[in-house]
N, C-alpha and C. Protein backbone atom coordinates (compact mmCIF):
# COMPACT_ATOMS: atom_id res chain seq x y z
N MET A 1 1.13 -68.69 -10.07
CA MET A 1 0.59 -70.00 -10.13
C MET A 1 -0.83 -69.88 -10.68
N PHE A 2 -1.11 -70.74 -11.65
CA PHE A 2 -2.44 -70.74 -12.27
C PHE A 2 -3.15 -72.05 -11.97
N ILE A 3 -4.43 -71.96 -11.80
CA ILE A 3 -5.23 -73.17 -11.58
C ILE A 3 -6.15 -73.29 -12.79
N LEU A 4 -6.12 -74.43 -13.39
CA LEU A 4 -6.98 -74.65 -14.55
C LEU A 4 -8.30 -75.23 -14.10
N LEU A 5 -9.34 -74.59 -14.53
CA LEU A 5 -10.67 -75.07 -14.20
C LEU A 5 -11.23 -75.81 -15.41
N PRO A 6 -11.92 -76.88 -15.19
CA PRO A 6 -12.51 -77.58 -16.34
C PRO A 6 -13.63 -76.75 -16.94
N SER A 7 -13.84 -76.92 -18.18
CA SER A 7 -14.90 -76.20 -18.90
C SER A 7 -16.24 -76.72 -18.46
N LEU A 8 -17.21 -75.83 -18.41
CA LEU A 8 -18.53 -76.22 -17.99
C LEU A 8 -19.37 -76.77 -19.16
N SER A 9 -18.88 -76.68 -20.34
CA SER A 9 -19.69 -77.06 -21.49
C SER A 9 -20.00 -78.57 -21.51
N GLY A 10 -19.16 -79.37 -20.95
CA GLY A 10 -19.41 -80.81 -20.96
C GLY A 10 -20.16 -81.29 -19.75
N CYS A 11 -20.42 -80.46 -18.83
CA CYS A 11 -21.07 -80.86 -17.58
C CYS A 11 -22.58 -80.78 -17.73
N PRO A 12 -23.30 -81.90 -17.45
CA PRO A 12 -24.76 -81.88 -17.61
C PRO A 12 -25.43 -80.89 -16.67
N ARG A 13 -24.95 -80.77 -15.49
CA ARG A 13 -25.56 -79.83 -14.55
C ARG A 13 -25.35 -78.40 -15.03
N ALA A 14 -24.17 -78.09 -15.55
CA ALA A 14 -23.87 -76.76 -16.02
C ALA A 14 -24.78 -76.43 -17.18
N THR A 15 -25.05 -77.36 -18.07
CA THR A 15 -25.89 -77.10 -19.23
C THR A 15 -27.29 -76.76 -18.78
N SER A 16 -27.82 -77.51 -17.82
CA SER A 16 -29.18 -77.20 -17.36
C SER A 16 -29.19 -75.88 -16.61
N ALA A 17 -28.12 -75.57 -15.88
CA ALA A 17 -28.06 -74.29 -15.15
C ALA A 17 -27.98 -73.14 -16.12
N MET A 18 -27.27 -73.36 -17.24
CA MET A 18 -27.15 -72.31 -18.25
C MET A 18 -28.48 -72.09 -18.93
N LYS A 19 -29.24 -73.18 -19.15
CA LYS A 19 -30.54 -73.03 -19.78
C LYS A 19 -31.46 -72.24 -18.87
N LYS A 20 -31.39 -72.54 -17.58
CA LYS A 20 -32.22 -71.82 -16.64
C LYS A 20 -31.78 -70.36 -16.53
N ALA A 21 -30.49 -70.10 -16.75
CA ALA A 21 -29.94 -68.76 -16.58
C ALA A 21 -30.14 -67.90 -17.80
N ARG A 22 -30.82 -68.40 -18.80
CA ARG A 22 -31.06 -67.56 -19.98
C ARG A 22 -31.85 -66.35 -19.56
N LEU A 23 -31.48 -65.22 -20.15
CA LEU A 23 -32.10 -63.94 -19.77
C LEU A 23 -33.19 -63.58 -20.74
N SER A 24 -34.19 -62.96 -20.20
CA SER A 24 -35.28 -62.50 -21.06
C SER A 24 -34.81 -61.24 -21.77
N GLY A 25 -35.54 -60.82 -22.76
CA GLY A 25 -35.21 -59.61 -23.52
C GLY A 25 -35.17 -58.38 -22.63
N GLU A 26 -36.11 -58.37 -21.70
CA GLU A 26 -36.18 -57.22 -20.78
C GLU A 26 -34.95 -57.16 -19.90
N GLU A 27 -34.51 -58.36 -19.43
CA GLU A 27 -33.32 -58.40 -18.57
C GLU A 27 -32.09 -58.00 -19.37
N MET A 28 -32.04 -58.43 -20.63
CA MET A 28 -30.90 -58.07 -21.50
C MET A 28 -30.87 -56.56 -21.72
N LEU A 29 -32.04 -55.94 -21.91
CA LEU A 29 -32.13 -54.50 -22.12
C LEU A 29 -31.62 -53.76 -20.88
N THR A 30 -32.01 -54.28 -19.72
CA THR A 30 -31.56 -53.66 -18.47
C THR A 30 -30.05 -53.74 -18.35
N ILE A 31 -29.48 -54.88 -18.69
CA ILE A 31 -28.02 -55.06 -18.62
C ILE A 31 -27.33 -54.11 -19.60
N LYS A 32 -27.91 -54.00 -20.83
CA LYS A 32 -27.33 -53.10 -21.83
C LYS A 32 -27.39 -51.64 -21.32
N GLN A 33 -28.52 -51.28 -20.70
CA GLN A 33 -28.65 -49.91 -20.19
C GLN A 33 -27.61 -49.66 -19.10
N ARG A 34 -27.43 -50.67 -18.25
CA ARG A 34 -26.43 -50.51 -17.20
C ARG A 34 -25.05 -50.37 -17.79
N ALA A 35 -24.78 -51.13 -18.80
CA ALA A 35 -23.46 -51.07 -19.47
C ALA A 35 -23.28 -49.70 -20.11
N SER A 36 -24.33 -49.21 -20.82
CA SER A 36 -24.20 -47.90 -21.46
C SER A 36 -24.12 -46.80 -20.41
N ASN A 37 -24.82 -46.98 -19.28
CA ASN A 37 -24.69 -46.03 -18.18
C ASN A 37 -23.26 -46.00 -17.67
N GLY A 38 -22.65 -47.15 -17.64
CA GLY A 38 -21.25 -47.21 -17.23
C GLY A 38 -20.39 -46.41 -18.18
N ILE A 39 -20.68 -46.52 -19.49
CA ILE A 39 -19.93 -45.75 -20.49
C ILE A 39 -20.20 -44.26 -20.30
N GLU A 40 -21.49 -43.92 -20.10
CA GLU A 40 -21.83 -42.52 -19.86
C GLU A 40 -21.15 -42.02 -18.60
N ASN A 41 -21.15 -42.85 -17.57
CA ASN A 41 -20.48 -42.46 -16.33
C ASN A 41 -18.99 -42.27 -16.57
N ASP A 42 -18.44 -43.09 -17.45
CA ASP A 42 -17.03 -42.95 -17.79
C ASP A 42 -16.79 -41.59 -18.45
N GLU A 43 -17.70 -41.20 -19.36
CA GLU A 43 -17.59 -39.88 -20.01
C GLU A 43 -17.76 -38.77 -18.98
N GLU A 44 -18.73 -38.97 -18.07
CA GLU A 44 -18.94 -37.98 -17.02
C GLU A 44 -17.71 -37.87 -16.13
N MET A 45 -17.09 -39.01 -15.85
CA MET A 45 -15.87 -39.01 -15.04
C MET A 45 -14.76 -38.24 -15.74
N LYS A 46 -14.63 -38.48 -17.06
CA LYS A 46 -13.60 -37.74 -17.82
C LYS A 46 -13.88 -36.25 -17.78
N GLN A 47 -15.16 -35.89 -17.94
CA GLN A 47 -15.55 -34.48 -17.91
C GLN A 47 -15.28 -33.89 -16.52
N LEU A 48 -15.64 -34.65 -15.48
CA LEU A 48 -15.38 -34.19 -14.12
C LEU A 48 -13.88 -34.04 -13.86
N ASP A 49 -13.10 -35.00 -14.35
CA ASP A 49 -11.65 -34.91 -14.20
C ASP A 49 -11.12 -33.65 -14.87
N GLU A 50 -11.65 -33.35 -16.05
CA GLU A 50 -11.23 -32.14 -16.78
C GLU A 50 -11.61 -30.89 -16.00
N GLU A 51 -12.83 -30.86 -15.45
CA GLU A 51 -13.27 -29.71 -14.66
C GLU A 51 -12.41 -29.56 -13.41
N ILE A 52 -12.07 -30.69 -12.79
CA ILE A 52 -11.20 -30.64 -11.60
C ILE A 52 -9.84 -30.08 -11.97
N LYS A 53 -9.33 -30.51 -13.12
CA LYS A 53 -8.02 -30.00 -13.59
C LYS A 53 -8.10 -28.50 -13.82
N GLU A 54 -9.18 -28.04 -14.45
CA GLU A 54 -9.35 -26.60 -14.70
C GLU A 54 -9.45 -25.82 -13.38
N LEU A 55 -10.20 -26.40 -12.42
CA LEU A 55 -10.32 -25.75 -11.11
C LEU A 55 -8.96 -25.69 -10.40
N ASN A 56 -8.20 -26.76 -10.49
CA ASN A 56 -6.87 -26.77 -9.89
C ASN A 56 -5.97 -25.70 -10.52
N ASP A 57 -6.04 -25.61 -11.86
CA ASP A 57 -5.25 -24.59 -12.56
C ASP A 57 -5.69 -23.19 -12.12
N SER A 58 -7.01 -23.00 -12.04
CA SER A 58 -7.55 -21.71 -11.61
C SER A 58 -7.12 -21.39 -10.17
N ASN A 59 -7.19 -22.39 -9.29
CA ASN A 59 -6.76 -22.20 -7.90
C ASN A 59 -5.27 -21.85 -7.84
N SER A 60 -4.48 -22.51 -8.65
CA SER A 60 -3.04 -22.21 -8.68
C SER A 60 -2.81 -20.77 -9.10
N GLN A 61 -3.56 -20.32 -10.10
CA GLN A 61 -3.43 -18.94 -10.57
C GLN A 61 -3.85 -17.96 -9.48
N VAL A 62 -4.96 -18.25 -8.81
CA VAL A 62 -5.44 -17.38 -7.73
C VAL A 62 -4.41 -17.34 -6.59
N GLU A 63 -3.84 -18.49 -6.25
CA GLU A 63 -2.83 -18.54 -5.20
C GLU A 63 -1.61 -17.73 -5.60
N ALA A 64 -1.18 -17.82 -6.85
CA ALA A 64 -0.05 -17.03 -7.33
C ALA A 64 -0.38 -15.53 -7.25
N ASP A 65 -1.60 -15.18 -7.63
CA ASP A 65 -2.03 -13.78 -7.54
C ASP A 65 -2.03 -13.32 -6.08
N MET A 66 -2.49 -14.16 -5.18
CA MET A 66 -2.52 -13.81 -3.76
C MET A 66 -1.11 -13.61 -3.22
N ILE A 67 -0.19 -14.47 -3.62
CA ILE A 67 1.20 -14.32 -3.19
C ILE A 67 1.76 -13.00 -3.70
N ARG A 68 1.45 -12.69 -4.96
CA ARG A 68 1.93 -11.44 -5.55
C ARG A 68 1.32 -10.24 -4.80
N LEU A 69 0.03 -10.32 -4.47
CA LEU A 69 -0.63 -9.24 -3.72
C LEU A 69 -0.04 -9.10 -2.32
N ARG A 70 0.21 -10.21 -1.66
CA ARG A 70 0.82 -10.15 -0.33
C ARG A 70 2.19 -9.49 -0.39
N THR A 71 2.95 -9.83 -1.43
CA THR A 71 4.27 -9.22 -1.61
C THR A 71 4.13 -7.71 -1.82
N GLN A 72 3.17 -7.32 -2.65
CA GLN A 72 2.95 -5.89 -2.89
C GLN A 72 2.51 -5.18 -1.62
N ILE A 73 1.64 -5.82 -0.85
CA ILE A 73 1.17 -5.23 0.40
C ILE A 73 2.34 -5.08 1.38
N THR A 74 3.16 -6.10 1.47
CA THR A 74 4.32 -6.04 2.37
C THR A 74 5.25 -4.90 1.95
N THR A 75 5.48 -4.78 0.65
CA THR A 75 6.33 -3.71 0.14
C THR A 75 5.73 -2.35 0.46
N MET A 76 4.41 -2.23 0.26
CA MET A 76 3.74 -0.97 0.55
C MET A 76 3.81 -0.64 2.04
N GLU A 77 3.62 -1.65 2.89
CA GLU A 77 3.71 -1.43 4.33
C GLU A 77 5.11 -0.99 4.72
N THR A 78 6.13 -1.62 4.13
CA THR A 78 7.51 -1.25 4.41
C THR A 78 7.76 0.19 3.97
N ASN A 79 7.28 0.54 2.78
CA ASN A 79 7.44 1.91 2.29
C ASN A 79 6.73 2.91 3.21
N LEU A 80 5.53 2.54 3.66
CA LEU A 80 4.77 3.40 4.56
C LEU A 80 5.53 3.63 5.86
N LYS A 81 6.08 2.56 6.43
CA LYS A 81 6.86 2.70 7.66
C LYS A 81 8.06 3.61 7.44
N SER A 82 8.72 3.45 6.30
CA SER A 82 9.87 4.28 5.97
C SER A 82 9.45 5.75 5.85
N ILE A 83 8.33 5.98 5.19
CA ILE A 83 7.83 7.36 5.03
C ILE A 83 7.46 7.94 6.39
N GLU A 84 6.82 7.13 7.24
CA GLU A 84 6.46 7.60 8.58
C GLU A 84 7.70 7.98 9.37
N GLU A 85 8.77 7.17 9.27
CA GLU A 85 10.02 7.48 9.97
C GLU A 85 10.63 8.76 9.42
N GLU A 86 10.60 8.93 8.08
CA GLU A 86 11.11 10.16 7.47
C GLU A 86 10.30 11.36 7.94
N ASN A 87 8.98 11.19 8.03
CA ASN A 87 8.12 12.28 8.50
C ASN A 87 8.44 12.66 9.94
N LYS A 88 8.73 11.66 10.78
CA LYS A 88 9.11 11.96 12.16
C LYS A 88 10.38 12.79 12.20
N VAL A 89 11.35 12.42 11.37
CA VAL A 89 12.61 13.17 11.31
C VAL A 89 12.34 14.60 10.84
N ILE A 90 11.50 14.74 9.83
CA ILE A 90 11.16 16.07 9.31
C ILE A 90 10.43 16.88 10.38
N GLU A 91 9.50 16.24 11.09
CA GLU A 91 8.79 16.93 12.17
C GLU A 91 9.76 17.41 13.24
N GLN A 92 10.73 16.57 13.59
CA GLN A 92 11.72 16.96 14.58
C GLN A 92 12.56 18.13 14.07
N GLN A 93 12.94 18.08 12.79
CA GLN A 93 13.69 19.19 12.20
C GLN A 93 12.86 20.46 12.19
N ASN A 94 11.56 20.32 11.84
CA ASN A 94 10.67 21.49 11.85
C ASN A 94 10.56 22.09 13.25
N GLU A 95 10.39 21.21 14.24
CA GLU A 95 10.31 21.69 15.62
C GLU A 95 11.58 22.42 16.01
N SER A 96 12.70 21.86 15.62
CA SER A 96 13.99 22.49 15.92
C SER A 96 14.11 23.84 15.22
N LEU A 97 13.70 23.90 13.96
CA LEU A 97 13.76 25.16 13.21
C LEU A 97 12.80 26.20 13.80
N LEU A 98 11.60 25.75 14.20
CA LEU A 98 10.65 26.67 14.81
C LEU A 98 11.19 27.21 16.13
N HIS A 99 11.84 26.35 16.89
CA HIS A 99 12.45 26.78 18.16
C HIS A 99 13.56 27.80 17.87
N GLU A 100 14.38 27.50 16.87
CA GLU A 100 15.46 28.42 16.50
C GLU A 100 14.88 29.75 16.01
N LEU A 101 13.81 29.69 15.21
CA LEU A 101 13.16 30.91 14.73
C LEU A 101 12.61 31.73 15.90
N ALA A 102 12.00 31.05 16.87
CA ALA A 102 11.48 31.76 18.04
C ALA A 102 12.62 32.44 18.80
N ASN A 103 13.75 31.74 18.94
CA ASN A 103 14.90 32.35 19.61
C ASN A 103 15.42 33.56 18.83
N LEU A 104 15.51 33.42 17.49
CA LEU A 104 15.97 34.54 16.67
C LEU A 104 15.00 35.72 16.75
N SER A 105 13.71 35.40 16.71
CA SER A 105 12.70 36.46 16.81
C SER A 105 12.83 37.19 18.14
N GLN A 106 13.00 36.45 19.21
CA GLN A 106 13.15 37.08 20.52
C GLN A 106 14.42 37.90 20.59
N SER A 107 15.51 37.39 19.99
CA SER A 107 16.76 38.15 19.96
C SER A 107 16.58 39.44 19.18
N LEU A 108 15.88 39.38 18.06
CA LEU A 108 15.63 40.57 17.25
C LEU A 108 14.77 41.57 18.02
N ILE A 109 13.74 41.05 18.67
CA ILE A 109 12.88 41.94 19.47
C ILE A 109 13.70 42.62 20.56
N ASN A 110 14.55 41.86 21.25
CA ASN A 110 15.39 42.43 22.32
C ASN A 110 16.36 43.46 21.76
N SER A 111 16.95 43.17 20.60
CA SER A 111 17.94 44.09 20.01
C SER A 111 17.31 45.37 19.50
N LEU A 112 16.10 45.30 18.99
CA LEU A 112 15.45 46.46 18.38
C LEU A 112 14.42 47.12 19.30
N ALA A 113 14.38 46.72 20.54
CA ALA A 113 13.36 47.23 21.46
C ALA A 113 13.42 48.75 21.61
N ASN A 114 14.60 49.32 21.53
CA ASN A 114 14.75 50.77 21.72
C ASN A 114 14.74 51.56 20.42
N ILE A 115 14.60 50.87 19.30
CA ILE A 115 14.59 51.56 18.01
C ILE A 115 13.16 51.57 17.49
N GLN A 116 12.65 52.78 17.28
CA GLN A 116 11.28 52.91 16.81
C GLN A 116 11.29 53.33 15.35
N LEU A 117 10.57 52.56 14.55
CA LEU A 117 10.45 52.90 13.13
C LEU A 117 9.38 53.97 12.97
N PRO A 118 9.49 54.75 11.87
CA PRO A 118 8.46 55.78 11.67
C PRO A 118 7.08 55.16 11.54
N HIS A 119 6.12 55.78 12.17
CA HIS A 119 4.72 55.38 12.11
C HIS A 119 4.47 53.99 12.70
N MET A 120 5.33 53.53 13.59
CA MET A 120 5.14 52.20 14.22
C MET A 120 5.39 52.28 15.71
N GLU A 121 4.75 51.38 16.40
CA GLU A 121 5.00 51.20 17.84
C GLU A 121 6.36 50.52 17.97
N PRO A 122 6.95 50.53 19.15
CA PRO A 122 8.18 49.75 19.34
C PRO A 122 7.91 48.27 19.09
N ILE A 123 8.92 47.55 18.66
CA ILE A 123 8.76 46.13 18.29
C ILE A 123 8.36 45.30 19.51
N ASN A 124 7.41 44.38 19.27
CA ASN A 124 7.00 43.40 20.27
C ASN A 124 6.49 42.17 19.53
N GLU A 125 6.06 41.15 20.26
CA GLU A 125 5.61 39.90 19.62
C GLU A 125 4.36 40.10 18.77
N GLN A 126 3.49 41.04 19.17
CA GLN A 126 2.25 41.25 18.43
C GLN A 126 2.47 41.94 17.09
N ASN A 127 3.41 42.87 17.01
CA ASN A 127 3.63 43.59 15.75
C ASN A 127 4.92 43.16 15.06
N PHE A 128 5.45 42.03 15.48
CA PHE A 128 6.74 41.56 14.96
C PHE A 128 6.73 41.44 13.44
N ASP A 129 5.72 40.77 12.88
CA ASP A 129 5.68 40.56 11.42
C ASP A 129 5.61 41.89 10.68
N ALA A 130 4.80 42.81 11.15
CA ALA A 130 4.69 44.12 10.49
C ALA A 130 6.00 44.89 10.60
N TYR A 131 6.64 44.80 11.75
CA TYR A 131 7.92 45.47 11.97
C TYR A 131 8.98 44.92 11.00
N VAL A 132 9.05 43.61 10.91
CA VAL A 132 10.03 42.97 10.00
C VAL A 132 9.70 43.33 8.55
N ALA A 133 8.43 43.37 8.18
CA ALA A 133 8.05 43.75 6.81
C ALA A 133 8.48 45.18 6.52
N THR A 134 8.32 46.08 7.49
CA THR A 134 8.74 47.48 7.30
C THR A 134 10.26 47.55 7.17
N LEU A 135 10.98 46.81 8.00
CA LEU A 135 12.45 46.77 7.90
C LEU A 135 12.88 46.25 6.54
N THR A 136 12.25 45.18 6.09
CA THR A 136 12.58 44.60 4.79
C THR A 136 12.36 45.62 3.69
N ASP A 137 11.25 46.32 3.76
CA ASP A 137 10.94 47.36 2.77
C ASP A 137 11.99 48.46 2.81
N MET A 138 12.39 48.87 4.01
CA MET A 138 13.39 49.93 4.14
C MET A 138 14.72 49.51 3.52
N TYR A 139 15.14 48.27 3.74
CA TYR A 139 16.42 47.81 3.20
C TYR A 139 16.32 47.52 1.70
N THR A 140 15.18 47.05 1.25
CA THR A 140 15.01 46.74 -0.17
C THR A 140 14.91 48.02 -0.99
N ASN A 141 14.23 49.02 -0.48
CA ASN A 141 13.99 50.27 -1.20
C ASN A 141 14.71 51.43 -0.51
N GLN A 142 16.01 51.29 -0.32
CA GLN A 142 16.77 52.31 0.40
C GLN A 142 16.74 53.66 -0.32
N ASP A 143 16.53 53.64 -1.63
CA ASP A 143 16.47 54.91 -2.36
C ASP A 143 15.27 55.75 -1.95
N HIS A 144 14.20 55.15 -1.43
CA HIS A 144 13.04 55.88 -0.93
C HIS A 144 13.28 56.44 0.47
N TYR A 145 14.26 55.89 1.15
CA TYR A 145 14.55 56.30 2.53
C TYR A 145 15.89 57.03 2.58
N GLN A 146 16.07 58.11 1.75
CA GLN A 146 17.33 58.81 1.63
C GLN A 146 17.50 59.95 2.63
N SER A 147 16.48 60.25 3.40
CA SER A 147 16.60 61.36 4.35
C SER A 147 17.68 61.02 5.38
N PRO A 148 18.33 62.06 5.94
CA PRO A 148 19.40 61.82 6.92
C PRO A 148 18.91 61.05 8.15
N GLU A 149 17.69 61.31 8.61
CA GLU A 149 17.22 60.58 9.79
C GLU A 149 16.94 59.11 9.48
N ASN A 150 16.47 58.81 8.25
CA ASN A 150 16.27 57.40 7.86
C ASN A 150 17.60 56.68 7.73
N LYS A 151 18.61 57.38 7.18
CA LYS A 151 19.94 56.76 7.08
C LYS A 151 20.49 56.47 8.47
N ALA A 152 20.29 57.38 9.38
CA ALA A 152 20.75 57.19 10.76
C ALA A 152 19.99 56.03 11.40
N LEU A 153 18.69 55.95 11.13
CA LEU A 153 17.86 54.86 11.65
C LEU A 153 18.36 53.52 11.13
N LEU A 154 18.62 53.43 9.83
CA LEU A 154 19.13 52.18 9.24
C LEU A 154 20.48 51.81 9.83
N GLU A 155 21.33 52.80 10.08
CA GLU A 155 22.65 52.54 10.69
C GLU A 155 22.47 52.03 12.11
N ASN A 156 21.55 52.60 12.86
CA ASN A 156 21.28 52.12 14.22
C ASN A 156 20.76 50.69 14.21
N ILE A 157 19.90 50.38 13.24
CA ILE A 157 19.36 49.02 13.12
C ILE A 157 20.49 48.04 12.81
N LYS A 158 21.37 48.41 11.88
CA LYS A 158 22.50 47.52 11.54
C LYS A 158 23.34 47.23 12.78
N GLN A 159 23.61 48.26 13.56
CA GLN A 159 24.42 48.07 14.77
C GLN A 159 23.68 47.22 15.78
N ALA A 160 22.37 47.40 15.89
CA ALA A 160 21.59 46.65 16.88
C ALA A 160 21.53 45.16 16.56
N VAL A 161 21.45 44.82 15.29
CA VAL A 161 21.30 43.41 14.92
C VAL A 161 22.64 42.72 14.69
N GLN A 162 23.76 43.46 14.74
CA GLN A 162 25.07 42.83 14.52
C GLN A 162 25.36 41.73 15.53
N GLY A 163 24.90 41.86 16.73
CA GLY A 163 25.20 40.89 17.77
C GLY A 163 24.38 39.62 17.70
N ILE A 164 23.37 39.60 16.84
CA ILE A 164 22.51 38.41 16.74
C ILE A 164 23.24 37.33 15.96
N GLN A 165 23.35 36.16 16.57
CA GLN A 165 24.00 35.04 15.88
C GLN A 165 22.93 34.14 15.29
N VAL A 166 23.12 33.84 14.01
CA VAL A 166 22.15 33.00 13.32
C VAL A 166 22.66 31.58 13.25
């Protein structure tokens, strides 16, 4: 619904009010400045809108990067947990192997306690490594140990260690 208003041009009061409402040059300049400020503000608003858009795009990129980093961190943490679990299993296997080695060493010491190698004390925990190294040398270089007593010694050692179960 529209309401038609009569024109003020024919009204005597309106004409005198319009004459009184005439603006001075200074007032017109102020109005023009305000109008141009409005245009400048409009340009500033467009520039601000563009900056806001760029910031939003930048924020979106940073958020995507953060999501990607979180995913990588989660994957790394999962891998670390898996490696830690594998290490625990390996540690348990190592402990088991060390226990088995200790049992084998003790069995070897018990089996060879009465057999004395040339130039060595009887086998015990303190000289175990040296005793085993000498035995290894004797078996590896049997051609150097061709004397009848060395052959008998090697035969006694073979018989002594036959009962050891590995």
